[in-house]
């Protein structure tokens, strides 16, 4: 049953990637930002699900097991920062990046501060690379552990399968596919909680 559920889920996200490909391949803005046309509901669910990834499901659970209740402060700090970003920075950043036709944060910093030396771009790209490589690596490792536990494969094979799945729908459908698959995962996360309460 678990294997059937997994392959059904895999089929759904690959179909999403294929269906998103035509739109996402029509330009850089469409691929990287879904043409700035996503509804707030989709963006919010995508952001929250991306944020509540392996670090919360695996990392914070392990931290709570190790140190107990103080692990809650890690989640509290994250949520506080996220709410601050959504309320105070999100709308302004969205407005300015659209006005200046920026695709990325390094683009925005360079345009906003009229940096001709590329120092801001290099600095921001370096910071993003350092933290995102660590973050994505931890996600793949968590995926490898999940596959290893669920299907009895080696952790390395689990990591490779996780990376392949993510690459397929991301390369095919860009940010649109990522956001739509995140939204589906949000419903998967919400439904068990609703069932449990009833």
N, C-alpha and C. Protein backbone atom coordinates (compact mmCIF):
# COMPACT_ATOMS: atom_id res chain seq x y z
N UNK A 1 0.83 -1.21 0.00
CA UNK A 1 0.00 0.00 0.00
C UNK A 1 0.86 1.26 0.00
N UNK A 2 1.94 1.24 0.82
CA UNK A 2 2.83 2.39 0.90
C UNK A 2 3.50 2.64 -0.45
N UNK A 3 3.91 1.54 -1.12
CA UNK A 3 4.58 1.68 -2.42
C UNK A 3 3.61 2.24 -3.45
N UNK A 4 2.36 1.76 -3.46
CA UNK A 4 1.35 2.25 -4.38
C UNK A 4 1.07 3.73 -4.15
N UNK A 5 0.94 4.12 -2.89
CA UNK A 5 0.70 5.53 -2.54
C UNK A 5 1.84 6.41 -3.02
N UNK A 6 3.07 5.93 -2.83
CA UNK A 6 4.24 6.69 -3.25
C UNK A 6 4.25 6.89 -4.76
N UNK A 7 4.00 5.81 -5.52
CA UNK A 7 4.03 5.94 -6.98
C UNK A 7 2.88 6.79 -7.50
N UNK A 8 1.75 6.75 -6.84
CA UNK A 8 0.63 7.63 -7.21
C UNK A 8 1.00 9.09 -6.99
N UNK A 9 1.61 9.37 -5.83
CA UNK A 9 2.07 10.73 -5.53
C UNK A 9 3.12 11.17 -6.54
N UNK A 10 4.07 10.29 -6.84
CA UNK A 10 5.12 10.60 -7.82
C UNK A 10 4.51 10.91 -9.18
N UNK A 11 3.52 10.14 -9.59
CA UNK A 11 2.84 10.37 -10.86
C UNK A 11 2.17 11.74 -10.88
N UNK A 12 1.53 12.11 -9.78
CA UNK A 12 0.84 13.40 -9.69
C UNK A 12 1.83 14.56 -9.86
N UNK A 13 2.97 14.50 -9.16
CA UNK A 13 3.88 15.64 -9.25
C UNK A 13 4.60 15.71 -10.60
N UNK A 14 4.83 14.55 -11.22
CA UNK A 14 5.42 14.58 -12.57
C UNK A 14 4.41 15.15 -13.57
N UNK A 15 3.14 14.79 -13.44
CA UNK A 15 2.09 15.36 -14.31
C UNK A 15 2.00 16.87 -14.13
N UNK A 16 2.10 17.33 -12.88
CA UNK A 16 2.09 18.77 -12.62
C UNK A 16 3.27 19.44 -13.32
N UNK A 17 4.44 18.82 -13.24
CA UNK A 17 5.61 19.36 -13.92
C UNK A 17 5.42 19.45 -15.42
N UNK A 18 4.85 18.39 -16.01
CA UNK A 18 4.62 18.36 -17.46
C UNK A 18 3.59 19.41 -17.88
N UNK A 19 2.49 19.50 -17.12
CA UNK A 19 1.45 20.47 -17.45
C UNK A 19 1.92 21.92 -17.26
N UNK A 20 2.84 22.13 -16.32
CA UNK A 20 3.36 23.49 -16.06
C UNK A 20 4.43 23.89 -17.07
N UNK A 21 4.98 22.91 -17.78
CA UNK A 21 6.14 23.16 -18.63
C UNK A 21 5.86 24.18 -19.73
N UNK A 22 4.70 24.10 -20.36
CA UNK A 22 4.40 25.01 -21.47
C UNK A 22 4.40 26.45 -21.00
N UNK A 23 3.75 26.72 -19.87
CA UNK A 23 3.72 28.09 -19.33
C UNK A 23 5.11 28.51 -18.87
N UNK A 24 5.79 27.64 -18.13
CA UNK A 24 7.07 28.00 -17.53
C UNK A 24 8.19 28.18 -18.55
N UNK A 25 8.04 27.58 -19.71
CA UNK A 25 9.09 27.69 -20.74
C UNK A 25 8.90 28.91 -21.63
N UNK A 26 7.89 29.73 -21.34
CA UNK A 26 7.62 30.88 -22.22
C UNK A 26 8.45 32.11 -21.87
N UNK A 27 9.23 32.07 -20.80
CA UNK A 27 10.09 33.21 -20.45
C UNK A 27 10.73 33.01 -19.09
N UNK A 28 11.75 33.84 -18.79
CA UNK A 28 12.45 33.73 -17.51
C UNK A 28 11.54 34.03 -16.33
N UNK A 29 10.73 35.08 -16.46
CA UNK A 29 9.81 35.44 -15.38
C UNK A 29 8.81 34.32 -15.13
N UNK A 30 8.36 33.68 -16.20
CA UNK A 30 7.41 32.57 -16.06
C UNK A 30 8.06 31.38 -15.36
N UNK A 31 9.32 31.09 -15.71
CA UNK A 31 9.98 29.94 -15.09
C UNK A 31 10.33 30.19 -13.63
N UNK A 32 10.95 31.35 -13.36
CA UNK A 32 11.45 31.61 -12.01
C UNK A 32 10.41 32.18 -11.04
N UNK A 33 9.40 32.88 -11.58
CA UNK A 33 8.42 33.54 -10.70
C UNK A 33 6.98 33.21 -11.06
N UNK A 34 6.77 32.21 -11.90
CA UNK A 34 5.42 31.84 -12.37
C UNK A 34 4.71 33.05 -12.97
N UNK A 35 5.49 33.90 -13.63
CA UNK A 35 4.93 35.08 -14.29
C UNK A 35 4.33 36.09 -13.32
N UNK A 36 4.66 35.98 -12.04
CA UNK A 36 4.10 36.84 -10.98
C UNK A 36 2.58 36.76 -10.95
N UNK A 37 2.03 35.61 -11.32
CA UNK A 37 0.57 35.48 -11.43
C UNK A 37 -0.06 34.55 -10.39
N UNK A 38 0.75 34.01 -9.49
CA UNK A 38 0.20 33.09 -8.50
C UNK A 38 -0.69 33.83 -7.50
N UNK A 39 -1.76 33.20 -7.10
CA UNK A 39 -2.65 33.77 -6.08
C UNK A 39 -1.96 33.72 -4.72
N UNK A 40 -2.35 34.66 -3.85
CA UNK A 40 -1.75 34.73 -2.51
C UNK A 40 -1.92 33.42 -1.75
N UNK A 41 -3.08 32.77 -1.94
CA UNK A 41 -3.38 31.51 -1.27
C UNK A 41 -2.34 30.45 -1.62
N UNK A 42 -2.01 30.35 -2.91
CA UNK A 42 -1.03 29.35 -3.37
C UNK A 42 0.36 29.68 -2.84
N UNK A 43 0.73 30.97 -2.94
CA UNK A 43 2.05 31.40 -2.47
C UNK A 43 2.20 31.15 -0.97
N UNK A 44 1.14 31.48 -0.21
CA UNK A 44 1.19 31.30 1.25
C UNK A 44 1.37 29.82 1.61
N UNK A 45 0.56 28.96 0.99
CA UNK A 45 0.69 27.53 1.27
C UNK A 45 2.07 27.00 0.87
N UNK A 46 2.55 27.45 -0.29
CA UNK A 46 3.85 27.00 -0.76
C UNK A 46 4.96 27.43 0.19
N UNK A 47 4.89 28.69 0.63
CA UNK A 47 5.92 29.21 1.54
C UNK A 47 5.91 28.46 2.87
N UNK A 48 4.71 28.22 3.39
CA UNK A 48 4.61 27.56 4.69
C UNK A 48 5.06 26.10 4.60
N UNK A 49 4.65 25.40 3.53
CA UNK A 49 5.04 24.00 3.38
C UNK A 49 6.55 23.89 3.16
N UNK A 50 7.12 24.80 2.37
CA UNK A 50 8.57 24.79 2.17
C UNK A 50 9.29 25.03 3.49
N UNK A 51 8.74 25.93 4.29
CA UNK A 51 9.34 26.24 5.59
C UNK A 51 9.19 25.12 6.60
N UNK A 52 8.09 24.36 6.49
CA UNK A 52 7.85 23.26 7.43
C UNK A 52 8.35 21.96 6.83
N UNK A 53 9.59 21.97 6.40
CA UNK A 53 10.13 20.82 5.67
C UNK A 53 10.86 19.89 6.64
N UNK A 54 11.92 19.26 6.15
CA UNK A 54 12.61 18.24 6.94
C UNK A 54 13.15 18.79 8.26
N UNK A 55 13.51 20.06 8.28
CA UNK A 55 14.07 20.59 9.54
C UNK A 55 13.04 20.52 10.66
N UNK A 56 11.75 20.68 10.30
CA UNK A 56 10.71 20.62 11.32
C UNK A 56 10.28 19.18 11.58
N UNK A 57 10.02 18.44 10.49
CA UNK A 57 9.50 17.09 10.64
C UNK A 57 10.52 16.11 11.23
N UNK A 58 11.79 16.32 10.89
CA UNK A 58 12.83 15.42 11.37
C UNK A 58 13.72 16.10 12.41
N UNK A 59 14.23 17.29 12.05
CA UNK A 59 15.19 17.98 12.91
C UNK A 59 14.64 18.43 14.25
N UNK A 60 13.52 19.16 14.23
CA UNK A 60 12.96 19.67 15.49
C UNK A 60 12.41 18.53 16.33
N UNK A 61 11.86 17.51 15.68
CA UNK A 61 11.39 16.33 16.42
C UNK A 61 12.55 15.69 17.18
N UNK A 62 13.68 15.53 16.49
CA UNK A 62 14.87 14.98 17.14
C UNK A 62 15.39 15.89 18.25
N UNK A 63 15.35 17.22 17.99
CA UNK A 63 15.79 18.17 19.00
C UNK A 63 14.90 18.09 20.25
N UNK A 64 13.58 18.00 20.02
CA UNK A 64 12.64 17.89 21.15
C UNK A 64 12.88 16.61 21.93
N UNK A 65 13.18 15.54 21.23
CA UNK A 65 13.47 14.27 21.91
C UNK A 65 14.74 14.39 22.76
N UNK A 66 15.72 15.15 22.23
CA UNK A 66 17.01 15.27 22.90
C UNK A 66 16.98 16.25 24.07
N UNK A 67 16.39 17.45 23.83
CA UNK A 67 16.48 18.49 24.87
C UNK A 67 15.14 18.81 25.52
N UNK A 68 14.04 18.28 24.96
CA UNK A 68 12.73 18.49 25.57
C UNK A 68 12.05 19.77 25.11
N UNK A 69 11.23 20.34 25.99
CA UNK A 69 10.36 21.48 25.66
C UNK A 69 11.10 22.71 25.12
N UNK A 70 12.34 23.00 25.53
CA UNK A 70 13.02 24.19 24.98
C UNK A 70 13.13 24.19 23.45
N UNK A 71 12.96 23.03 22.81
CA UNK A 71 13.00 22.98 21.34
C UNK A 71 11.90 23.83 20.72
N UNK A 72 10.84 24.08 21.49
CA UNK A 72 9.74 24.92 20.99
C UNK A 72 10.22 26.30 20.62
N UNK A 73 11.26 26.80 21.30
CA UNK A 73 11.76 28.15 21.01
C UNK A 73 12.31 28.27 19.59
N UNK A 74 12.85 27.18 19.05
CA UNK A 74 13.35 27.22 17.67
C UNK A 74 12.19 27.48 16.71
N UNK A 75 11.07 26.80 16.95
CA UNK A 75 9.88 26.99 16.11
C UNK A 75 9.30 28.38 16.31
N UNK A 76 9.25 28.85 17.56
CA UNK A 76 8.71 30.17 17.88
C UNK A 76 9.51 31.26 17.16
N UNK A 77 10.83 31.15 17.19
CA UNK A 77 11.68 32.13 16.52
C UNK A 77 11.46 32.14 15.02
N UNK A 78 11.34 30.95 14.44
CA UNK A 78 11.12 30.85 13.00
C UNK A 78 9.80 31.49 12.59
N UNK A 79 8.74 31.14 13.33
CA UNK A 79 7.40 31.67 13.00
C UNK A 79 7.37 33.18 13.14
N UNK A 80 7.99 33.71 14.19
CA UNK A 80 8.04 35.16 14.40
C UNK A 80 8.72 35.86 13.23
N UNK A 81 9.86 35.33 12.81
CA UNK A 81 10.59 35.92 11.68
C UNK A 81 9.76 35.83 10.40
N UNK A 82 9.09 34.70 10.20
CA UNK A 82 8.27 34.51 8.99
C UNK A 82 7.11 35.49 8.94
N UNK A 83 6.41 35.66 10.07
CA UNK A 83 5.28 36.61 10.13
C UNK A 83 5.78 38.02 9.86
N UNK A 84 6.92 38.39 10.44
CA UNK A 84 7.50 39.71 10.21
C UNK A 84 7.78 39.92 8.72
N UNK A 85 8.36 38.91 8.08
CA UNK A 85 8.68 39.01 6.65
C UNK A 85 7.42 39.17 5.81
N UNK A 86 6.39 38.38 6.10
CA UNK A 86 5.15 38.46 5.33
C UNK A 86 4.47 39.81 5.49
N UNK A 87 4.38 40.29 6.72
CA UNK A 87 3.61 41.51 7.00
C UNK A 87 4.35 42.76 6.58
N UNK A 88 5.65 42.86 6.90
CA UNK A 88 6.35 44.12 6.72
C UNK A 88 7.20 44.19 5.46
N UNK A 89 7.70 43.06 4.97
CA UNK A 89 8.61 43.13 3.82
C UNK A 89 8.04 42.55 2.53
N UNK A 90 7.18 41.54 2.64
CA UNK A 90 6.72 40.81 1.47
C UNK A 90 6.08 41.67 0.39
N UNK A 91 5.08 42.47 0.77
CA UNK A 91 4.36 43.28 -0.22
C UNK A 91 5.26 44.33 -0.86
N UNK A 92 6.09 44.97 -0.05
CA UNK A 92 6.99 46.00 -0.59
C UNK A 92 8.00 45.38 -1.55
N UNK A 93 8.55 44.23 -1.15
CA UNK A 93 9.52 43.56 -2.02
C UNK A 93 8.87 43.13 -3.33
N UNK A 94 7.65 42.62 -3.25
CA UNK A 94 6.91 42.22 -4.45
C UNK A 94 6.69 43.41 -5.37
N UNK A 95 6.31 44.55 -4.80
CA UNK A 95 6.03 45.75 -5.59
C UNK A 95 7.30 46.29 -6.26
N UNK A 96 8.39 46.38 -5.48
CA UNK A 96 9.63 46.94 -6.02
C UNK A 96 10.27 46.02 -7.07
N UNK A 97 10.25 44.72 -6.84
CA UNK A 97 10.86 43.81 -7.81
C UNK A 97 10.09 43.80 -9.12
N UNK A 98 8.77 43.94 -9.05
CA UNK A 98 7.97 44.01 -10.27
C UNK A 98 8.26 45.31 -11.01
N UNK A 99 8.36 46.40 -10.26
CA UNK A 99 8.60 47.72 -10.84
C UNK A 99 9.96 47.77 -11.56
N UNK A 100 10.96 47.10 -10.96
CA UNK A 100 12.31 47.12 -11.53
C UNK A 100 12.60 45.88 -12.38
N UNK A 101 11.58 45.02 -12.54
CA UNK A 101 11.70 43.81 -13.34
C UNK A 101 12.85 42.92 -12.87
N UNK A 102 12.93 42.72 -11.56
CA UNK A 102 13.95 41.86 -10.97
C UNK A 102 13.41 40.44 -10.80
N UNK A 103 14.27 39.47 -11.04
CA UNK A 103 13.89 38.06 -10.87
C UNK A 103 14.34 37.51 -9.52
N UNK A 104 15.49 37.99 -9.03
CA UNK A 104 16.08 37.42 -7.82
C UNK A 104 16.40 38.53 -6.82
N UNK A 105 16.68 38.13 -5.59
CA UNK A 105 17.11 39.11 -4.58
C UNK A 105 18.42 39.80 -4.96
N UNK A 106 19.43 39.07 -5.47
CA UNK A 106 20.63 39.78 -5.93
C UNK A 106 20.31 40.82 -7.01
N UNK A 107 19.38 40.51 -7.94
CA UNK A 107 18.95 41.50 -8.93
C UNK A 107 18.39 42.74 -8.24
N UNK A 108 17.53 42.50 -7.25
CA UNK A 108 16.88 43.60 -6.53
C UNK A 108 17.90 44.49 -5.82
N UNK A 109 18.84 43.87 -5.09
CA UNK A 109 19.83 44.67 -4.37
C UNK A 109 20.67 45.51 -5.33
N UNK A 110 21.03 44.92 -6.46
CA UNK A 110 21.83 45.66 -7.43
C UNK A 110 21.04 46.82 -8.02
N UNK A 111 19.76 46.59 -8.35
CA UNK A 111 18.93 47.66 -8.91
C UNK A 111 18.60 48.73 -7.87
N UNK A 112 18.22 48.29 -6.68
CA UNK A 112 17.76 49.21 -5.63
C UNK A 112 18.86 50.17 -5.21
N UNK A 113 20.09 49.67 -5.10
CA UNK A 113 21.19 50.50 -4.63
C UNK A 113 22.12 50.95 -5.75
N UNK A 114 21.68 50.71 -7.00
CA UNK A 114 22.43 51.14 -8.19
C UNK A 114 23.91 50.76 -8.08
N UNK A 115 24.15 49.51 -7.76
CA UNK A 115 25.51 49.02 -7.56
C UNK A 115 26.11 48.59 -8.89
N UNK A 116 27.03 49.38 -9.40
CA UNK A 116 27.69 49.06 -10.67
C UNK A 116 28.90 48.16 -10.48
N UNK A 117 29.36 48.03 -9.24
CA UNK A 117 30.58 47.25 -8.97
C UNK A 117 30.30 45.75 -8.83
N UNK A 118 29.02 45.38 -8.73
CA UNK A 118 28.60 43.98 -8.55
C UNK A 118 28.95 43.41 -7.17
N UNK A 119 29.39 44.26 -6.24
CA UNK A 119 29.76 43.77 -4.90
C UNK A 119 28.53 43.22 -4.17
N UNK A 120 27.41 43.95 -4.24
CA UNK A 120 26.19 43.49 -3.57
C UNK A 120 25.70 42.17 -4.16
N UNK A 121 25.78 42.05 -5.47
CA UNK A 121 25.35 40.81 -6.12
C UNK A 121 26.23 39.64 -5.67
N UNK A 122 27.53 39.82 -5.70
CA UNK A 122 28.46 38.75 -5.31
C UNK A 122 28.25 38.37 -3.85
N UNK A 123 28.10 39.37 -2.98
CA UNK A 123 27.92 39.12 -1.56
C UNK A 123 26.61 38.37 -1.29
N UNK A 124 25.51 38.84 -1.90
CA UNK A 124 24.22 38.20 -1.66
C UNK A 124 24.17 36.79 -2.25
N UNK A 125 24.76 36.58 -3.43
CA UNK A 125 24.81 35.24 -4.02
C UNK A 125 25.64 34.31 -3.14
N UNK A 126 26.74 34.81 -2.60
CA UNK A 126 27.59 33.98 -1.73
C UNK A 126 26.83 33.55 -0.48
N UNK A 127 26.10 34.49 0.14
CA UNK A 127 25.32 34.17 1.34
C UNK A 127 24.24 33.15 1.01
N UNK A 128 23.54 33.37 -0.10
CA UNK A 128 22.49 32.43 -0.51
C UNK A 128 23.06 31.04 -0.76
N UNK A 129 24.18 30.98 -1.46
CA UNK A 129 24.79 29.68 -1.77
C UNK A 129 25.20 28.93 -0.50
N UNK A 130 25.84 29.64 0.42
CA UNK A 130 26.30 28.99 1.66
C UNK A 130 25.13 28.38 2.41
N UNK A 131 24.06 29.17 2.60
CA UNK A 131 22.95 28.68 3.41
C UNK A 131 22.04 27.71 2.65
N UNK A 132 21.83 27.95 1.35
CA UNK A 132 20.93 27.08 0.60
C UNK A 132 21.53 25.72 0.31
N UNK A 133 22.84 25.67 0.09
CA UNK A 133 23.48 24.36 -0.12
C UNK A 133 23.31 23.50 1.13
N UNK A 134 23.53 24.11 2.31
CA UNK A 134 23.35 23.37 3.56
C UNK A 134 21.91 22.96 3.75
N UNK A 135 20.99 23.88 3.45
CA UNK A 135 19.57 23.62 3.65
C UNK A 135 19.07 22.51 2.72
N UNK A 136 19.40 22.62 1.43
CA UNK A 136 18.95 21.62 0.46
C UNK A 136 19.58 20.26 0.75
N UNK A 137 20.85 20.27 1.15
CA UNK A 137 21.51 19.01 1.49
C UNK A 137 20.79 18.32 2.64
N UNK A 138 20.35 19.10 3.63
CA UNK A 138 19.64 18.49 4.76
C UNK A 138 18.28 17.94 4.32
N UNK A 139 17.63 18.60 3.35
CA UNK A 139 16.36 18.10 2.83
C UNK A 139 16.55 16.76 2.12
N UNK A 140 17.60 16.69 1.29
CA UNK A 140 17.87 15.44 0.58
C UNK A 140 18.23 14.32 1.56
N UNK A 141 18.99 14.67 2.60
CA UNK A 141 19.35 13.65 3.59
C UNK A 141 18.10 13.14 4.31
N UNK A 142 17.19 14.06 4.64
CA UNK A 142 15.94 13.64 5.29
C UNK A 142 15.12 12.76 4.35
N UNK A 143 15.09 13.12 3.05
CA UNK A 143 14.40 12.28 2.07
C UNK A 143 15.02 10.90 1.98
N UNK A 144 16.37 10.85 2.03
CA UNK A 144 17.07 9.57 2.01
C UNK A 144 16.72 8.72 3.22
N UNK A 145 16.65 9.35 4.39
CA UNK A 145 16.28 8.62 5.61
C UNK A 145 14.84 8.10 5.51
N UNK A 146 13.94 8.95 4.97
CA UNK A 146 12.53 8.54 4.84
C UNK A 146 12.40 7.34 3.89
N UNK A 147 13.11 7.39 2.76
CA UNK A 147 13.07 6.26 1.82
C UNK A 147 13.67 5.00 2.43
N UNK A 148 14.79 5.19 3.13
CA UNK A 148 15.46 4.06 3.75
C UNK A 148 14.55 3.37 4.77
N UNK A 149 13.88 4.16 5.58
CA UNK A 149 12.99 3.60 6.60
C UNK A 149 11.73 2.99 5.99
N UNK A 150 11.15 3.68 4.99
CA UNK A 150 9.87 3.25 4.44
C UNK A 150 9.97 2.09 3.46
N UNK A 151 11.05 2.10 2.65
CA UNK A 151 11.12 1.12 1.56
C UNK A 151 12.31 0.16 1.66
N UNK A 152 13.13 0.32 2.71
CA UNK A 152 14.24 -0.60 2.91
C UNK A 152 15.38 -0.44 1.93
N UNK A 153 15.49 0.71 1.27
CA UNK A 153 16.62 0.96 0.36
C UNK A 153 17.73 1.62 1.16
N UNK A 154 18.91 1.71 0.55
CA UNK A 154 20.02 2.38 1.25
C UNK A 154 19.73 3.88 1.31
N UNK A 155 20.34 4.53 2.29
CA UNK A 155 20.11 5.97 2.45
C UNK A 155 20.61 6.74 1.23
N UNK A 156 21.75 6.32 0.65
CA UNK A 156 22.28 6.98 -0.54
C UNK A 156 21.30 6.89 -1.69
N UNK A 157 20.73 5.70 -1.92
CA UNK A 157 19.74 5.54 -2.99
C UNK A 157 18.51 6.39 -2.72
N UNK A 158 18.12 6.49 -1.45
CA UNK A 158 16.99 7.35 -1.08
C UNK A 158 17.26 8.81 -1.39
N UNK A 159 18.49 9.26 -1.13
CA UNK A 159 18.88 10.65 -1.44
C UNK A 159 18.83 10.88 -2.95
N UNK A 160 19.34 9.91 -3.71
CA UNK A 160 19.36 10.06 -5.18
C UNK A 160 17.94 10.09 -5.74
N UNK A 161 17.04 9.26 -5.21
CA UNK A 161 15.65 9.26 -5.67
C UNK A 161 14.98 10.59 -5.32
N UNK A 162 15.21 11.08 -4.10
CA UNK A 162 14.66 12.37 -3.67
C UNK A 162 15.12 13.49 -4.61
N UNK A 163 16.43 13.53 -4.86
CA UNK A 163 16.99 14.57 -5.74
C UNK A 163 16.41 14.46 -7.15
N UNK A 164 16.26 13.24 -7.66
CA UNK A 164 15.72 13.04 -9.01
C UNK A 164 14.28 13.53 -9.10
N UNK A 165 13.47 13.20 -8.10
CA UNK A 165 12.06 13.64 -8.10
C UNK A 165 11.97 15.16 -8.12
N UNK A 166 12.73 15.80 -7.23
CA UNK A 166 12.70 17.27 -7.14
C UNK A 166 13.18 17.89 -8.45
N UNK A 167 14.26 17.36 -9.00
CA UNK A 167 14.80 17.90 -10.25
C UNK A 167 13.82 17.76 -11.41
N UNK A 168 13.12 16.63 -11.49
CA UNK A 168 12.20 16.39 -12.61
C UNK A 168 11.12 17.46 -12.65
N UNK A 169 10.38 17.63 -11.54
CA UNK A 169 9.27 18.58 -11.62
C UNK A 169 9.73 20.03 -11.59
N UNK A 170 10.91 20.31 -11.01
CA UNK A 170 11.40 21.69 -10.99
C UNK A 170 11.91 22.10 -12.36
N UNK A 171 12.69 21.24 -12.99
CA UNK A 171 13.23 21.57 -14.32
C UNK A 171 12.11 21.64 -15.36
N UNK A 172 11.13 20.74 -15.25
CA UNK A 172 10.02 20.74 -16.20
C UNK A 172 9.13 21.96 -16.03
N UNK A 173 8.72 22.24 -14.80
CA UNK A 173 7.66 23.24 -14.58
C UNK A 173 8.05 24.50 -13.86
N UNK A 174 9.30 24.63 -13.44
CA UNK A 174 9.74 25.84 -12.77
C UNK A 174 9.01 26.12 -11.47
N UNK A 175 8.93 27.40 -11.12
CA UNK A 175 8.34 27.81 -9.84
C UNK A 175 6.85 27.48 -9.77
N UNK A 176 6.18 27.49 -10.91
CA UNK A 176 4.76 27.14 -10.92
C UNK A 176 4.56 25.70 -10.44
N UNK A 177 5.36 24.78 -10.98
CA UNK A 177 5.25 23.37 -10.57
C UNK A 177 5.62 23.20 -9.10
N UNK A 178 6.66 23.91 -8.65
CA UNK A 178 7.07 23.82 -7.25
C UNK A 178 5.94 24.29 -6.34
N UNK A 179 5.33 25.42 -6.69
CA UNK A 179 4.26 25.98 -5.85
C UNK A 179 3.03 25.07 -5.83
N UNK A 180 2.68 24.51 -6.98
CA UNK A 180 1.50 23.64 -7.04
C UNK A 180 1.72 22.33 -6.27
N UNK A 181 2.93 21.76 -6.39
CA UNK A 181 3.20 20.54 -5.63
C UNK A 181 3.25 20.84 -4.13
N UNK A 182 3.78 22.01 -3.78
CA UNK A 182 3.77 22.41 -2.37
C UNK A 182 2.33 22.53 -1.85
N UNK A 183 1.45 23.08 -2.69
CA UNK A 183 0.06 23.25 -2.28
C UNK A 183 -0.60 21.89 -2.03
N UNK A 184 -0.31 20.92 -2.90
CA UNK A 184 -0.86 19.57 -2.71
C UNK A 184 -0.31 18.96 -1.42
N UNK A 185 0.99 19.16 -1.16
CA UNK A 185 1.57 18.65 0.08
C UNK A 185 0.94 19.33 1.30
N UNK A 186 0.57 20.60 1.17
CA UNK A 186 -0.09 21.31 2.27
C UNK A 186 -1.41 20.62 2.60
N UNK A 187 -2.17 20.23 1.57
CA UNK A 187 -3.44 19.55 1.82
C UNK A 187 -3.21 18.19 2.48
N UNK A 188 -2.14 17.49 2.06
CA UNK A 188 -1.80 16.22 2.69
C UNK A 188 -1.47 16.41 4.17
N UNK A 189 -0.81 17.54 4.48
CA UNK A 189 -0.44 17.82 5.87
C UNK A 189 -1.65 18.25 6.70
N UNK A 190 -2.58 18.98 6.07
CA UNK A 190 -3.75 19.50 6.78
C UNK A 190 -4.78 18.40 7.02
N UNK A 191 -5.03 17.55 6.02
CA UNK A 191 -6.10 16.55 6.11
C UNK A 191 -5.93 15.57 7.28
N UNK A 192 -4.73 15.00 7.52
CA UNK A 192 -4.61 14.10 8.67
C UNK A 192 -4.94 14.79 9.99
N UNK A 193 -4.55 16.07 10.12
CA UNK A 193 -4.84 16.81 11.35
C UNK A 193 -6.36 16.97 11.53
N UNK A 194 -7.07 17.26 10.43
CA UNK A 194 -8.51 17.40 10.47
C UNK A 194 -9.18 16.07 10.84
N UNK A 195 -8.67 14.98 10.24
CA UNK A 195 -9.23 13.66 10.53
C UNK A 195 -9.01 13.29 11.99
N UNK A 196 -7.82 13.66 12.48
CA UNK A 196 -7.50 13.33 13.87
C UNK A 196 -8.44 14.06 14.84
N UNK A 197 -8.74 15.34 14.53
CA UNK A 197 -9.61 16.11 15.41
C UNK A 197 -11.04 15.59 15.39
N UNK A 198 -11.49 15.11 14.23
CA UNK A 198 -12.86 14.61 14.16
C UNK A 198 -12.96 13.23 14.77
